[in-house]
Amino acid sequence: MYGWIWRNLPGNVWIRALTCLVLVLAVVYLLFQYVFPWAEPLLPFNDVTVDNGMAAVR
């Protein structure tokens, strides 16, 4: 897949590298701005199953 993207980008090596960098930064931006905030309430990271009121018995 990456080879296909690289071959189909216009320009020489430096233009292709710059375009790839811009594409990667755009994907990271979209993930942090839209996808992760949307998915955060759906993830179970804040579901605590440990009871803090119970002392350890030895």
PDB file of N, CA and C in Angstrom:
ATOM      1  N   MET A   1       0.826  -1.181   0.000  1.00  0.00           N
ATOM      2  CA  MET A   1       0.000   0.000   0.000  1.00  0.00           C
ATOM      3  C   MET A   1       0.880   1.259   0.000  1.00  0.00           C
ATOM      4  N   TYR A   2       1.917   1.278   0.844  1.00  0.00           N
ATOM      5  CA  TYR A   2       2.772   2.459   0.911  1.00  0.00           C
ATOM      6  C   TYR A   2       3.544   2.653  -0.381  1.00  0.00           C
ATOM      7  N   GLY A   3       3.933   1.556  -0.990  1.00  0.00           N
ATOM      8  CA  GLY A   3       4.608   1.642  -2.287  1.00  0.00           C
ATOM      9  C   GLY A   3       3.699   2.231  -3.351  1.00  0.00           C
ATOM     10  N   TRP A   4       2.433   1.851  -3.325  1.00  0.00           N
ATOM     11  CA  TRP A   4       1.468   2.388  -4.285  1.00  0.00           C
ATOM     12  C   TRP A   4       1.298   3.894  -4.084  1.00  0.00           C
ATOM     13  N   ILE A   5       1.194   4.318  -2.815  1.00  0.00           N
ATOM     14  CA  ILE A   5       1.066   5.754  -2.524  1.00  0.00           C
ATOM     15  C   ILE A   5       2.315   6.494  -3.013  1.00  0.00           C
ATOM     16  N   TRP A   6       3.489   5.953  -2.699  1.00  0.00           N
ATOM     17  CA  TRP A   6       4.745   6.604  -3.088  1.00  0.00           C
ATOM     18  C   TRP A   6       4.854   6.725  -4.605  1.00  0.00           C
ATOM     19  N   ARG A   7       4.493   5.674  -5.335  1.00  0.00           N
ATOM     20  CA  ARG A   7       4.592   5.705  -6.794  1.00  0.00           C
ATOM     21  C   ARG A   7       3.591   6.666  -7.428  1.00  0.00           C
ATOM     22  N   ASN A   8       2.462   6.890  -6.800  1.00  0.00           N
ATOM     23  CA  ASN A   8       1.419   7.732  -7.392  1.00  0.00           C
ATOM     24  C   ASN A   8       1.485   9.193  -6.958  1.00  0.00           C
ATOM     25  N   LEU A   9       2.388   9.535  -6.057  1.00  0.00           N
ATOM     26  CA  LEU A   9       2.562  10.938  -5.693  1.00  0.00           C
ATOM     27  C   LEU A   9       3.353  11.654  -6.786  1.00  0.00           C
ATOM     28  N   PRO A  10       2.994  12.893  -7.078  1.00  0.00           N
ATOM     29  CA  PRO A  10       3.721  13.634  -8.112  1.00  0.00           C
ATOM     30  C   PRO A  10       5.039  14.207  -7.587  1.00  0.00           C
ATOM     31  N   GLY A  11       5.940  14.508  -8.483  1.00  0.00           N
ATOM     32  CA  GLY A  11       7.169  15.211  -8.137  1.00  0.00           C
ATOM     33  C   GLY A  11       8.353  14.289  -7.929  1.00  0.00           C
ATOM     34  N   ASN A  12       9.462  14.927  -7.546  1.00  0.00           N
ATOM     35  CA  ASN A  12      10.689  14.167  -7.287  1.00  0.00           C
ATOM     36  C   ASN A  12      10.672  13.634  -5.855  1.00  0.00           C
ATOM     37  N   VAL A  13      11.782  13.106  -5.402  1.00  0.00           N
ATOM     38  CA  VAL A  13      11.843  12.457  -4.086  1.00  0.00           C
ATOM     39  C   VAL A  13      11.535  13.440  -2.966  1.00  0.00           C
ATOM     40  N   TRP A  14      12.071  14.659  -3.050  1.00  0.00           N
ATOM     41  CA  TRP A  14      11.860  15.632  -1.976  1.00  0.00           C
ATOM     42  C   TRP A  14      10.407  16.104  -1.909  1.00  0.00           C
ATOM     43  N   ILE A  15       9.792  16.292  -3.053  1.00  0.00           N
ATOM     44  CA  ILE A  15       8.378  16.691  -3.074  1.00  0.00           C
ATOM     45  C   ILE A  15       7.509  15.555  -2.534  1.00  0.00           C
ATOM     46  N   ARG A  16       7.836  14.328  -2.914  1.00  0.00           N
ATOM     47  CA  ARG A  16       7.088  13.172  -2.415  1.00  0.00           C
ATOM     48  C   ARG A  16       7.228  13.037  -0.907  1.00  0.00           C
ATOM     49  N   ALA A  17       8.444  13.217  -0.401  1.00  0.00           N
ATOM     50  CA  ALA A  17       8.680  13.114   1.041  1.00  0.00           C
ATOM     51  C   ALA A  17       7.902  14.197   1.792  1.00  0.00           C
ATOM     52  N   LEU A  18       7.917  15.418   1.256  1.00  0.00           N
ATOM     53  CA  LEU A  18       7.172  16.508   1.883  1.00  0.00           C
ATOM     54  C   LEU A  18       5.670  16.233   1.849  1.00  0.00           C
ATOM     55  N   THR A  19       5.178  15.704   0.735  1.00  0.00           N
ATOM     56  CA  THR A  19       3.761  15.373   0.623  1.00  0.00           C
ATOM     57  C   THR A  19       3.387  14.267   1.602  1.00  0.00           C
ATOM     58  N   CYS A  20       4.247  13.260   1.741  1.00  0.00           N
ATOM     59  CA  CYS A  20       3.996  12.198   2.714  1.00  0.00           C
ATOM     60  C   CYS A  20       3.957  12.745   4.138  1.00  0.00           C
ATOM     61  N   LEU A  21       4.873  13.643   4.462  1.00  0.00           N
ATOM     62  CA  LEU A  21       4.885  14.250   5.783  1.00  0.00           C
ATOM     63  C   LEU A  21       3.607  15.028   6.043  1.00  0.00           C
ATOM     64  N   VAL A  22       3.159  15.793   5.062  1.00  0.00           N
ATOM     65  CA  VAL A  22       1.923  16.560   5.209  1.00  0.00           C
ATOM     66  C   VAL A  22       0.724  15.619   5.379  1.00  0.00           C
ATOM     67  N   LEU A  23       0.694  14.532   4.631  1.00  0.00           N
ATOM     68  CA  LEU A  23      -0.397  13.569   4.753  1.00  0.00           C
ATOM     69  C   LEU A  23      -0.421  12.911   6.136  1.00  0.00           C
ATOM     70  N   VAL A  24       0.749  12.543   6.632  1.00  0.00           N
ATOM     71  CA  VAL A  24       0.818  11.938   7.961  1.00  0.00           C
ATOM     72  C   VAL A  24       0.377  12.925   9.029  1.00  0.00           C
ATOM     73  N   LEU A  25       0.827  14.162   8.937  1.00  0.00           N
ATOM     74  CA  LEU A  25       0.419  15.174   9.909  1.00  0.00           C
ATOM     75  C   LEU A  25      -1.080  15.443   9.846  1.00  0.00           C
ATOM     76  N   ALA A  26      -1.652  15.412   8.651  1.00  0.00           N
ATOM     77  CA  ALA A  26      -3.099  15.605   8.502  1.00  0.00           C
ATOM     78  C   ALA A  26      -3.878  14.462   9.144  1.00  0.00           C
ATOM     79  N   VAL A  27      -3.402  13.247   8.967  1.00  0.00           N
ATOM     80  CA  VAL A  27      -4.079  12.101   9.580  1.00  0.00           C
ATOM     81  C   VAL A  27      -3.987  12.170  11.098  1.00  0.00           C
ATOM     82  N   VAL A  28      -2.824  12.505  11.634  1.00  0.00           N
ATOM     83  CA  VAL A  28      -2.662  12.633  13.086  1.00  0.00           C
ATOM     84  C   VAL A  28      -3.565  13.740  13.626  1.00  0.00           C
ATOM     85  N   TYR A  29      -3.637  14.863  12.939  1.00  0.00           N
ATOM     86  CA  TYR A  29      -4.504  15.964  13.356  1.00  0.00           C
ATOM     87  C   TYR A  29      -5.965  15.522  13.387  1.00  0.00           C
ATOM     88  N   LEU A  30      -6.410  14.852  12.335  1.00  0.00           N
ATOM     89  CA  LEU A  30      -7.796  14.392  12.287  1.00  0.00           C
ATOM     90  C   LEU A  30      -8.103  13.391  13.395  1.00  0.00           C
ATOM     91  N   LEU A  31      -7.150  12.509  13.676  1.00  0.00           N
ATOM     92  CA  LEU A  31      -7.358  11.551  14.752  1.00  0.00           C
ATOM     93  C   LEU A  31      -7.508  12.247  16.101  1.00  0.00           C
ATOM     94  N   PHE A  32      -6.616  13.182  16.411  1.00  0.00           N
ATOM     95  CA  PHE A  32      -6.655  13.839  17.711  1.00  0.00           C
ATOM     96  C   PHE A  32      -7.813  14.825  17.847  1.00  0.00           C
ATOM     97  N   GLN A  33      -8.240  15.432  16.769  1.00  0.00           N
ATOM     98  CA  GLN A  33      -9.297  16.429  16.846  1.00  0.00           C
ATOM     99  C   GLN A  33     -10.701  15.836  16.769  1.00  0.00           C
ATOM    100  N   TYR A  34     -10.869  14.744  16.043  1.00  0.00           N
ATOM    101  CA  TYR A  34     -12.209  14.243  15.795  1.00  0.00           C
ATOM    102  C   TYR A  34     -12.436  12.804  16.235  1.00  0.00           C
ATOM    103  N   VAL A  35     -11.534  11.903  15.898  1.00  0.00           N
ATOM    104  CA  VAL A  35     -11.775  10.484  16.156  1.00  0.00           C
ATOM    105  C   VAL A  35     -11.591  10.143  17.627  1.00  0.00           C
ATOM    106  N   PHE A  36     -10.484  10.536  18.242  1.00  0.00           N
ATOM    107  CA  PHE A  36     -10.242  10.187  19.634  1.00  0.00           C
ATOM    108  C   PHE A  36     -11.258  10.826  20.580  1.00  0.00           C
ATOM    109  N   PRO A  37     -11.620  12.111  20.426  1.00  0.00           N
ATOM    110  CA  PRO A  37     -12.658  12.656  21.310  1.00  0.00           C
ATOM    111  C   PRO A  37     -14.023  11.964  21.132  1.00  0.00           C
ATOM    112  N   TRP A  38     -14.323  11.531  19.918  1.00  0.00           N
ATOM    113  CA  TRP A  38     -15.582  10.822  19.688  1.00  0.00           C
ATOM    114  C   TRP A  38     -15.558   9.450  20.353  1.00  0.00           C
ATOM    115  N   ALA A  39     -14.432   8.752  20.291  1.00  0.00           N
ATOM    116  CA  ALA A  39     -14.346   7.393  20.806  1.00  0.00           C
ATOM    117  C   ALA A  39     -14.098   7.338  22.308  1.00  0.00           C
ATOM    118  N   GLU A  40     -13.636   8.402  22.919  1.00  0.00           N
ATOM    119  CA  GLU A  40     -13.255   8.387  24.332  1.00  0.00           C
ATOM    120  C   GLU A  40     -14.403   7.988  25.255  1.00  0.00           C
ATOM    121  N   PRO A  41     -15.616   8.489  25.096  1.00  0.00           N
ATOM    122  CA  PRO A  41     -16.695   8.048  25.997  1.00  0.00           C
ATOM    123  C   PRO A  41     -17.072   6.573  25.809  1.00  0.00           C
ATOM    124  N   LEU A  42     -16.738   6.004  24.686  1.00  0.00           N
ATOM    125  CA  LEU A  42     -17.087   4.615  24.415  1.00  0.00           C
ATOM    126  C   LEU A  42     -16.082   3.629  25.001  1.00  0.00           C
ATOM    127  N   LEU A  43     -14.915   4.106  25.427  1.00  0.00           N
ATOM    128  CA  LEU A  43     -13.867   3.234  25.948  1.00  0.00           C
ATOM    129  C   LEU A  43     -14.020   3.053  27.456  1.00  0.00           C
ATOM    130  N   PRO A  44     -13.689   1.880  27.977  1.00  0.00           N
ATOM    131  CA  PRO A  44     -13.935   1.590  29.396  1.00  0.00           C
ATOM    132  C   PRO A  44     -12.794   1.981  30.334  1.00  0.00           C
ATOM    133  N   PHE A  45     -11.995   2.980  30.006  1.00  0.00           N
ATOM    134  CA  PHE A  45     -10.836   3.303  30.838  1.00  0.00           C
ATOM    135  C   PHE A  45     -11.212   3.921  32.179  1.00  0.00           C
ATOM    136  N   ASN A  46     -12.370   4.538  32.290  1.00  0.00           N
ATOM    137  CA  ASN A  46     -12.776   5.166  33.547  1.00  0.00           C
ATOM    138  C   ASN A  46     -13.685   4.287  34.381  1.00  0.00           C
ATOM    139  N   ASP A  47     -13.938   3.061  33.958  1.00  0.00           N
ATOM    140  CA  ASP A  47     -14.762   2.140  34.737  1.00  0.00           C
ATOM    141  C   ASP A  47     -13.883   1.479  35.793  1.00  0.00           C
ATOM    142  N   VAL A  48     -14.014   1.953  37.037  1.00  0.00           N
ATOM    143  CA  VAL A  48     -13.198   1.444  38.126  1.00  0.00           C
ATOM    144  C   VAL A  48     -13.933   0.282  38.780  1.00  0.00           C
ATOM    145  N   THR A  49     -13.238  -0.823  38.974  1.00  0.00           N
ATOM    146  CA  THR A  49     -13.858  -1.987  39.593  1.00  0.00           C
ATOM    147  C   THR A  49     -13.268  -2.302  40.958  1.00  0.00           C
ATOM    148  N   VAL A  50     -12.371  -1.473  41.459  1.00  0.00           N
ATOM    149  CA  VAL A  50     -11.747  -1.693  42.757  1.00  0.00           C
ATOM    150  C   VAL A  50     -12.494  -0.852  43.785  1.00  0.00           C
ATOM    151  N   ASP A  51     -12.854  -1.474  44.925  1.00  0.00           N
ATOM    152  CA  ASP A  51     -13.549  -0.761  45.982  1.00  0.00           C
ATOM    153  C   ASP A  51     -12.524  -0.139  46.922  1.00  0.00           C
ATOM    154  N   ASN A  52     -12.523   1.183  47.041  1.00  0.00           N
ATOM    155  CA  ASN A  52     -11.554   1.883  47.889  1.00  0.00           C
ATOM    156  C   ASN A  52     -11.889   1.783  49.359  1.00  0.00           C
ATOM    157  N   GLY A  53     -13.116   1.463  49.726  1.00  0.00           N
ATOM    158  CA  GLY A  53     -13.525   1.414  51.136  1.00  0.00           C
ATOM    159  C   GLY A  53     -13.095   0.159  51.865  1.00  0.00           C
ATOM    160  N   MET A  54     -12.666  -0.854  51.182  1.00  0.00           N
ATOM    161  CA  MET A  54     -12.310  -2.124  51.812  1.00  0.00           C
ATOM    162  C   MET A  54     -10.808  -2.149  52.129  1.00  0.00           C
ATOM    163  N   ALA A  55     -10.486  -2.370  53.397  1.00  0.00           N
ATOM    164  CA  ALA A  55      -9.082  -2.426  53.808  1.00  0.00           C
ATOM    165  C   ALA A  55      -8.502  -3.804  53.517  1.00  0.00           C
ATOM    166  N   ALA A  56      -7.207  -3.838  53.310  1.00  0.00           N
ATOM    167  CA  ALA A  56      -6.535  -5.100  53.041  1.00  0.00           C
ATOM    168  C   ALA A  56      -6.477  -5.936  54.320  1.00  0.00           C
ATOM    169  N   VAL A  57      -6.821  -7.195  54.204  1.00  0.00           N
ATOM    170  CA  VAL A  57      -6.819  -8.093  55.373  1.00  0.00           C
ATOM    171  C   VAL A  57      -5.574  -8.986  55.265  1.00  0.00           C
ATOM    172  N   ARG A  58      -4.815  -9.057  56.386  1.00  0.00           N
ATOM    173  CA  ARG A  58      -3.605  -9.891  56.390  1.00  0.00           C
ATOM    174  C   ARG A  58      -3.742 -11.017  57.343  1.00  0.00           C
TER     175      ARG A  58
END
